[in-house]
N, C-alpha and C. Protein backbone atom coordinates (compact mmCIF):
# COMPACT_ATOMS: atom_id res chain seq x y z
N MET A 1 0.66 -0.74 -0.09
CA MET A 1 0.00 0.43 0.00
C MET A 1 0.95 1.26 -0.10
N ARG A 2 1.77 1.24 0.90
CA ARG A 2 2.67 2.22 0.64
C ARG A 2 3.29 2.80 -0.19
N LEU A 3 3.76 1.45 -1.08
CA LEU A 3 4.86 1.74 -2.35
C LEU A 3 3.68 2.35 -3.36
N ASN A 4 2.23 1.62 -3.22
CA ASN A 4 1.37 2.51 -3.96
C ASN A 4 0.85 4.19 -3.71
N ILE A 5 1.05 4.49 -2.69
CA ILE A 5 1.17 5.97 -2.73
C ILE A 5 2.05 6.56 -2.86
N TYR A 6 3.66 6.17 -2.52
CA TYR A 6 4.64 6.65 -2.88
C TYR A 6 4.57 6.96 -4.59
N SER A 7 4.47 5.58 -5.26
CA SER A 7 4.72 5.65 -6.47
C SER A 7 3.37 6.85 -7.63
N LYS A 8 2.27 7.05 -6.88
CA LYS A 8 1.22 8.30 -7.57
C LYS A 8 1.60 9.61 -6.82
N ILE A 9 2.36 9.61 -5.77
CA ILE A 9 2.90 11.21 -5.28
C ILE A 9 4.01 11.34 -6.17
N ASN A 10 4.55 10.52 -6.65
CA ASN A 10 6.03 11.11 -7.09
C ASN A 10 5.43 10.34 -9.01
N SER A 11 4.47 9.89 -9.12
CA SER A 11 4.05 9.72 -10.60
C SER A 11 4.72 8.99 -11.28
N HIS A 12 5.16 7.28 -10.51
CA HIS A 12 6.09 6.55 -11.23
C HIS A 12 4.80 5.56 -11.48
N ASP A 13 4.57 5.45 -13.12
CA ASP A 13 3.57 4.54 -13.66
C ASP A 13 3.82 3.21 -13.15
N GLU A 14 5.03 3.03 -13.45
CA GLU A 14 5.23 1.36 -13.69
C GLU A 14 5.57 1.19 -12.28
N VAL A 15 6.20 1.94 -11.02
CA VAL A 15 6.09 1.33 -9.67
C VAL A 15 4.42 1.09 -9.20
N THR A 16 3.63 2.01 -9.75
CA THR A 16 1.81 1.81 -9.43
C THR A 16 1.24 0.73 -9.96
N GLN A 17 2.36 0.06 -11.34
CA GLN A 17 1.40 -0.92 -11.47
C GLN A 17 1.76 -2.56 -10.50
N PHE A 18 3.27 -1.78 -10.73
CA PHE A 18 4.19 -3.16 -9.82
C PHE A 18 2.90 -3.06 -8.49
N ALA A 19 2.77 -2.21 -7.59
CA ALA A 19 2.59 -2.46 -6.62
C ALA A 19 0.90 -2.48 -6.53
N LEU A 20 0.17 -2.32 -7.24
CA LEU A 20 -1.05 -2.85 -7.87
C LEU A 20 -1.32 -4.17 -7.83
N ASP A 21 -0.17 -5.00 -9.06
CA ASP A 21 -0.32 -6.27 -9.29
C ASP A 21 0.59 -7.16 -7.91
N GLU A 22 1.05 -6.68 -7.35
CA GLU A 22 1.37 -7.48 -6.05
C GLU A 22 0.22 -7.17 -5.34
N LEU A 23 -0.31 -6.11 -4.85
CA LEU A 23 -1.41 -6.32 -3.92
C LEU A 23 -2.57 -7.26 -4.43
N ALA A 24 -2.58 -7.43 -5.41
CA ALA A 24 -3.82 -8.24 -6.07
C ALA A 24 -3.63 -9.90 -5.89
N LYS A 25 -2.30 -9.74 -6.13
CA LYS A 25 -1.92 -11.28 -5.52
C LYS A 25 -2.24 -11.50 -4.12
N ILE A 26 -1.26 -10.85 -3.43
CA ILE A 26 -2.50 -10.86 -2.21
C ILE A 26 -3.24 -10.73 -1.35
N ALA A 27 -4.40 -9.91 -2.01
CA ALA A 27 -6.01 -10.18 -2.06
C ALA A 27 -6.40 -11.80 -2.70
N LYS A 28 -5.82 -12.33 -3.91
CA LYS A 28 -6.12 -13.85 -3.92
C LYS A 28 -5.67 -14.93 -2.96
N MET A 29 -4.97 -14.10 -2.33
CA MET A 29 -4.44 -15.18 -1.32
C MET A 29 -5.68 -16.25 -0.48
N ASP A 30 -5.47 -17.58 -0.28
CA ASP A 30 -6.61 -18.00 0.62
C ASP A 30 -6.69 -17.63 1.39
N LEU A 31 -7.40 -17.41 2.52
CA LEU A 31 -7.66 -16.48 3.76
C LEU A 31 -6.33 -17.54 4.89
N PRO A 32 -6.39 -18.48 4.88
CA PRO A 32 -5.82 -19.54 5.75
C PRO A 32 -4.31 -18.80 6.26
N HIS A 33 -3.66 -18.28 4.70
CA HIS A 33 -2.52 -18.07 3.66
C HIS A 33 -1.84 -16.70 4.34
N TYR A 34 -2.98 -15.86 5.26
CA TYR A 34 -2.70 -14.51 5.64
C TYR A 34 -2.07 -14.57 7.39
N SER A 35 -2.34 -15.87 7.93
CA SER A 35 -1.72 -16.65 9.14
C SER A 35 -2.26 -15.49 10.41
N LEU A 36 -3.23 -15.03 10.18
CA LEU A 36 -4.06 -14.19 11.29
C LEU A 36 -4.86 -14.97 12.13
N SER A 37 -4.70 -14.44 13.60
CA SER A 37 -5.17 -15.10 14.30
C SER A 37 -6.30 -14.62 15.17
N GLN A 38 -6.52 -13.42 14.54
CA GLN A 38 -6.91 -12.70 15.96
C GLN A 38 -7.67 -11.11 14.71
N PRO A 39 -9.20 -10.52 14.95
CA PRO A 39 -9.92 -9.96 14.62
C PRO A 39 -9.39 -8.91 14.91
N ILE A 40 -8.52 -8.60 15.13
CA ILE A 40 -8.09 -7.57 15.81
C ILE A 40 -7.43 -6.25 14.57
N VAL A 41 -7.36 -4.94 14.69
CA VAL A 41 -6.71 -3.79 13.98
C VAL A 41 -5.35 -3.81 13.47
N CYS A 42 -4.52 -4.04 14.53
CA CYS A 42 -3.20 -4.37 14.49
C CYS A 42 -2.87 -5.87 14.22
N HIS A 43 -2.24 -5.94 12.72
CA HIS A 43 -1.68 -7.24 12.19
C HIS A 43 -2.58 -8.09 12.80
N GLY A 44 -4.81 -7.88 12.11
CA GLY A 44 -5.61 -8.55 12.52
C GLY A 44 -6.06 -8.59 11.23
N TYR A 45 -7.24 -9.76 11.10
CA TYR A 45 -8.38 -9.18 10.23
C TYR A 45 -9.16 -8.19 9.92
N ILE A 46 -9.70 -7.37 10.75
CA ILE A 46 -9.94 -5.94 10.60
C ILE A 46 -8.87 -5.30 10.12
N GLY A 47 -7.60 -5.14 10.49
CA GLY A 47 -6.76 -4.54 9.47
C GLY A 47 -6.38 -4.62 8.71
N THR A 48 -6.29 -5.65 8.14
CA THR A 48 -6.00 -6.02 6.97
C THR A 48 -7.11 -5.86 5.62
N ALA A 49 -8.54 -6.04 6.62
CA ALA A 49 -9.37 -5.39 5.76
C ALA A 49 -9.40 -3.59 5.21
N VAL A 50 -9.03 -3.40 6.41
CA VAL A 50 -8.91 -1.95 6.38
C VAL A 50 -8.09 -1.06 4.92
N VAL A 51 -7.27 -1.91 5.10
CA VAL A 51 -6.37 -1.62 4.20
C VAL A 51 -6.38 -2.34 2.52
N LEU A 52 -7.44 -3.43 2.71
CA LEU A 52 -7.67 -3.67 1.13
C LEU A 52 -8.60 -2.90 0.65
N ASN A 53 -9.84 -2.10 1.89
CA ASN A 53 -10.42 -1.49 1.42
C ASN A 53 -10.38 -0.35 0.29
N LEU A 54 -9.48 0.18 1.58
CA LEU A 54 -8.79 1.47 1.05
C LEU A 54 -7.65 1.27 -0.18
N MET A 55 -7.57 0.11 -0.70
CA MET A 55 -7.30 -0.31 -2.18
C MET A 55 -8.44 -0.02 -2.97
N TYR A 56 -9.37 -0.72 -2.54
CA TYR A 56 -10.65 -1.06 -3.46
C TYR A 56 -11.09 0.12 -3.71
N LEU A 57 -11.58 0.82 -2.76
CA LEU A 57 -11.82 2.52 -3.09
C LEU A 57 -11.23 3.24 -3.70
N ASP A 58 -9.50 3.25 -3.65
CA ASP A 58 -8.97 4.13 -4.43
C ASP A 58 -8.88 3.35 -5.74
N THR A 59 -8.79 2.36 -6.18
CA THR A 59 -8.54 1.63 -7.47
C THR A 59 -9.98 0.85 -8.20
N GLY A 60 -10.78 0.55 -7.65
CA GLY A 60 -12.46 -0.10 -7.58
C GLY A 60 -11.87 -1.58 -8.33
N ARG A 61 -11.09 -2.01 -7.94
CA ARG A 61 -10.58 -3.32 -8.28
C ARG A 61 -11.43 -4.25 -7.14
N GLU A 62 -12.06 -5.24 -8.14
CA GLU A 62 -13.36 -6.34 -7.30
C GLU A 62 -12.48 -6.97 -6.28
N GLU A 63 -11.00 -7.19 -7.06
CA GLU A 63 -10.56 -8.38 -5.81
C GLU A 63 -10.29 -7.97 -4.35
N PHE A 64 -10.00 -6.91 -4.26
CA PHE A 64 -9.73 -5.69 -2.71
C PHE A 64 -11.07 -6.23 -2.21
N LEU A 65 -12.26 -5.65 -2.73
CA LEU A 65 -13.85 -5.87 -2.32
C LEU A 65 -13.88 -7.36 -1.73
N HIS A 66 -13.80 -8.08 -2.49
CA HIS A 66 -14.19 -9.39 -1.80
C HIS A 66 -13.33 -10.21 -1.30
N LYS A 67 -11.99 -9.71 -1.35
CA LYS A 67 -11.29 -10.13 0.21
C LYS A 67 -11.68 -9.35 1.50
N VAL A 68 -12.20 -8.02 1.68
CA VAL A 68 -12.72 -7.16 2.82
C VAL A 68 -13.75 -7.98 3.03
N VAL A 69 -14.86 -8.37 2.08
CA VAL A 69 -16.01 -8.68 2.37
C VAL A 69 -15.72 -10.29 3.30
N GLU A 70 -14.95 -11.24 2.55
CA GLU A 70 -14.55 -12.16 3.44
C GLU A 70 -13.44 -12.25 4.42
N MET A 71 -12.56 -10.96 5.28
CA MET A 71 -12.36 -10.88 5.84
C MET A 71 -13.32 -10.61 7.15
N VAL A 72 -14.15 -9.56 6.52
CA VAL A 72 -15.09 -9.04 7.78
C VAL A 72 -15.91 -10.01 7.92
N GLU A 73 -16.45 -10.89 6.81
CA GLU A 73 -16.75 -12.18 7.72
C GLU A 73 -16.54 -13.18 8.72
N ALA A 74 -15.49 -13.51 8.27
CA ALA A 74 -14.24 -14.63 9.17
C ALA A 74 -14.25 -13.52 10.68
N SER A 75 -13.95 -12.32 10.62
CA SER A 75 -14.25 -11.28 11.95
C SER A 75 -15.80 -11.91 12.97
N ALA A 76 -16.33 -11.60 11.58
CA ALA A 76 -17.72 -11.77 12.37
C ALA A 76 -17.82 -13.20 12.99
N ALA A 77 -17.44 -14.59 11.95
CA ALA A 77 -17.50 -15.90 12.38
C ALA A 77 -16.70 -16.15 13.54
N PHE A 78 -15.52 -15.28 14.04
CA PHE A 78 -14.81 -15.59 15.10
C PHE A 78 -15.36 -15.73 16.55
N ASN A 79 -14.53 -16.46 16.87
CA ASN A 79 -15.27 -16.72 18.36
C ASN A 79 -14.74 -15.55 19.30
N ILE A 80 -15.72 -14.44 19.14
CA ILE A 80 -15.30 -13.00 19.56
C ILE A 80 -15.60 -13.42 21.51
N GLU A 81 -16.81 -13.83 21.67
CA GLU A 81 -16.64 -14.10 23.10
C GLU A 81 -15.27 -14.63 23.76
N ARG A 82 -14.70 -15.53 22.94
CA ARG A 82 -13.55 -16.55 23.82
C ARG A 82 -12.49 -15.87 23.58
N PHE A 83 -12.30 -14.96 22.23
CA PHE A 83 -11.18 -13.83 22.07
C PHE A 83 -11.59 -12.83 23.71
N PHE A 84 -12.68 -12.00 23.51
CA PHE A 84 -12.09 -11.27 24.28
C PHE A 84 -12.17 -11.74 26.05
N ASP A 85 -12.90 -13.25 26.28
CA ASP A 85 -12.58 -13.39 27.59
C ASP A 85 -11.60 -13.69 28.12
N ASN A 86 -10.66 -14.08 27.12
CA ASN A 86 -9.19 -14.35 26.91
C ASN A 86 -8.21 -13.12 27.44
N ALA A 87 -8.69 -12.40 26.48
CA ALA A 87 -8.43 -11.01 26.76
C ALA A 87 -8.39 -10.45 27.88
N HIS A 88 -9.55 -10.24 28.67
CA HIS A 88 -9.84 -9.96 30.01
C HIS A 88 -8.96 -10.68 31.03
N ARG A 89 -9.08 -11.73 30.64
CA ARG A 89 -8.27 -12.84 32.01
C ARG A 89 -6.91 -12.00 31.93
N VAL A 90 -6.13 -12.65 30.56
CA VAL A 90 -4.83 -11.57 30.77
C VAL A 90 -4.71 -10.79 31.64
N ALA A 91 -5.42 -9.94 31.07
CA ALA A 91 -5.49 -8.37 31.38
C ALA A 91 -5.58 -8.02 32.82
N LYS A 92 -6.43 -8.94 33.62
CA LYS A 92 -7.15 -8.93 34.79
C LYS A 92 -6.22 -9.50 35.41
N GLY A 93 -5.10 -10.32 34.93
CA GLY A 93 -3.68 -10.84 35.60
C GLY A 93 -2.68 -9.36 35.47
N SER A 94 -2.97 -8.57 35.39
CA SER A 94 -1.84 -8.15 35.04
C SER A 94 -1.74 -6.20 35.50
N ASN A 95 -1.36 -5.51 34.67
CA ASN A 95 -2.28 -4.35 35.67
C ASN A 95 -3.33 -3.68 34.75
N SER A 96 -3.24 -2.17 35.53
CA SER A 96 -4.52 -1.73 34.90
C SER A 96 -4.40 -0.79 33.68
N GLU A 97 -3.02 -0.81 33.35
CA GLU A 97 -2.50 -0.70 31.99
C GLU A 97 -3.34 -1.45 30.71
N SER A 98 -2.95 -2.97 30.91
CA SER A 98 -3.34 -3.69 29.97
C SER A 98 -5.03 -4.15 30.05
N MET A 99 -5.73 -3.43 31.65
CA MET A 99 -6.98 -3.65 31.40
C MET A 99 -7.83 -2.72 30.30
N ALA A 100 -7.09 -1.56 29.85
CA ALA A 100 -7.16 -0.68 28.56
C ALA A 100 -7.13 -1.06 27.81
N SER A 101 -5.93 -1.82 27.23
CA SER A 101 -5.61 -2.45 26.12
C SER A 101 -7.19 -2.83 25.80
N LEU A 102 -7.59 -3.41 26.53
CA LEU A 102 -8.71 -4.17 26.03
C LEU A 102 -9.72 -3.07 25.05
N HIS A 103 -9.61 -1.62 25.16
CA HIS A 103 -10.75 -1.53 24.82
C HIS A 103 -9.42 0.14 23.48
N ASP A 104 -8.86 -0.81 23.39
CA ASP A 104 -7.73 0.03 22.44
C ASP A 104 -7.88 0.43 20.93
N HIS A 105 -7.88 1.59 20.39
CA HIS A 105 -7.94 1.55 19.12
C HIS A 105 -7.18 0.27 17.57
N LEU A 106 -6.31 -0.32 18.24
CA LEU A 106 -5.78 -1.06 17.72
C LEU A 106 -5.42 -2.36 18.00
N GLU A 107 -5.78 -2.81 19.10
CA GLU A 107 -5.89 -4.06 20.08
C GLU A 107 -7.20 -4.69 20.34
N GLY A 108 -8.25 -3.72 20.33
CA GLY A 108 -9.17 -3.86 21.57
C GLY A 108 -10.56 -3.46 20.89
N PHE A 109 -11.44 -3.69 21.70
CA PHE A 109 -12.88 -3.86 21.13
C PHE A 109 -13.01 -2.53 20.38
N ASN A 110 -12.50 -1.30 21.04
CA ASN A 110 -13.16 -0.22 20.17
C ASN A 110 -12.47 -0.01 18.68
N GLY A 111 -11.22 -0.48 18.41
CA GLY A 111 -10.76 -0.83 17.20
C GLY A 111 -11.41 -1.54 16.09
N ILE A 112 -11.90 -2.57 16.62
CA ILE A 112 -12.37 -3.89 15.89
C ILE A 112 -13.73 -3.15 15.72
N VAL A 113 -14.78 -2.81 16.68
CA VAL A 113 -15.73 -2.27 16.13
C VAL A 113 -15.74 -0.77 14.89
N ARG A 114 -14.88 0.09 15.36
CA ARG A 114 -15.42 1.13 14.71
C ARG A 114 -14.12 1.17 13.50
N SER A 115 -13.28 0.14 12.73
CA SER A 115 -12.62 -0.27 11.33
C SER A 115 -14.14 -0.96 10.97
N THR A 116 -14.44 -2.03 11.57
CA THR A 116 -15.56 -2.67 11.16
C THR A 116 -17.18 -1.90 10.77
N LEU A 117 -17.29 -0.93 11.05
CA LEU A 117 -18.24 0.09 10.81
C LEU A 117 -17.85 1.13 10.22
N SER A 118 -16.78 1.18 9.94
CA SER A 118 -15.87 2.24 8.73
C SER A 118 -15.97 2.06 7.76
N ILE A 119 -16.09 0.08 7.68
CA ILE A 119 -15.52 -0.16 6.18
C ILE A 119 -16.88 -0.32 5.80
N ILE A 120 -18.55 -0.88 6.36
CA ILE A 120 -19.82 -1.65 6.39
C ILE A 120 -20.24 0.46 6.07
N MET A 121 -20.17 1.11 6.56
CA MET A 121 -20.71 2.50 6.49
C MET A 121 -19.96 3.09 5.51
N GLY A 122 -18.63 3.11 5.30
CA GLY A 122 -18.10 3.93 3.95
C GLY A 122 -17.87 5.51 4.59
N VAL A 123 -17.35 4.98 5.62
CA VAL A 123 -17.02 6.55 6.69
C VAL A 123 -15.79 5.94 7.30
N PRO A 124 -14.73 6.67 6.87
CA PRO A 124 -13.45 6.64 7.52
C PRO A 124 -13.34 7.07 8.71
N CYS A 125 -12.34 5.91 9.87
CA CYS A 125 -12.07 6.13 11.25
C CYS A 125 -10.77 6.52 10.99
N GLU A 126 -10.11 7.13 12.20
CA GLU A 126 -8.89 7.29 11.89
C GLU A 126 -7.82 6.16 12.13
N ASN A 127 -8.47 4.67 12.28
CA ASN A 127 -7.74 3.63 11.78
C ASN A 127 -6.80 3.49 10.71
N GLU A 128 -7.59 4.10 9.95
CA GLU A 128 -6.81 4.37 8.39
C GLU A 128 -5.47 4.70 8.41
N LYS A 129 -5.37 5.97 9.07
CA LYS A 129 -4.07 6.71 8.89
C LYS A 129 -3.22 5.65 10.02
N ARG A 130 -3.77 5.66 11.05
CA ARG A 130 -2.91 4.70 12.06
C ARG A 130 -2.11 3.42 10.92
N LEU A 131 -2.97 2.78 10.48
CA LEU A 131 -2.52 1.35 9.47
C LEU A 131 -1.55 1.93 8.53
N LEU A 132 -1.37 2.83 8.36
CA LEU A 132 -0.74 3.90 6.90
C LEU A 132 0.81 4.14 7.49
N MET A 133 0.24 4.43 8.22
CA MET A 133 1.78 4.89 9.18
C MET A 133 2.46 4.16 9.92
N MET A 134 2.33 2.75 10.17
CA MET A 134 3.20 1.99 10.41
C MET A 134 3.97 1.08 9.71
């Protein structure tokens, strides 16, 4: 994604095409090959869906949209209750800072819900900017 942005800013058509082709290959991968294990924004299904959604909005290429839908559906099917129960148990045994991370924009409830709604409603939230800065 960053290579795509860079190439557009600097008018490098060949680099733009290369970036789009490589991102399309990534979008066409089977979901298990992404090695994502959580619905979180940071290195999870929803964060990847946000980036691919931005690519779809930028290019209109259907392969990006198809993967976004697949990732949002995978997140919805994820045993979210078990995920948050485990996260809460770990945080409870730690300090109050860990408890706060359960509601974090990148790894907690807030990020998952806001980013998913952002994709569904078509209204950007701040996580798009956070993901592109990482």
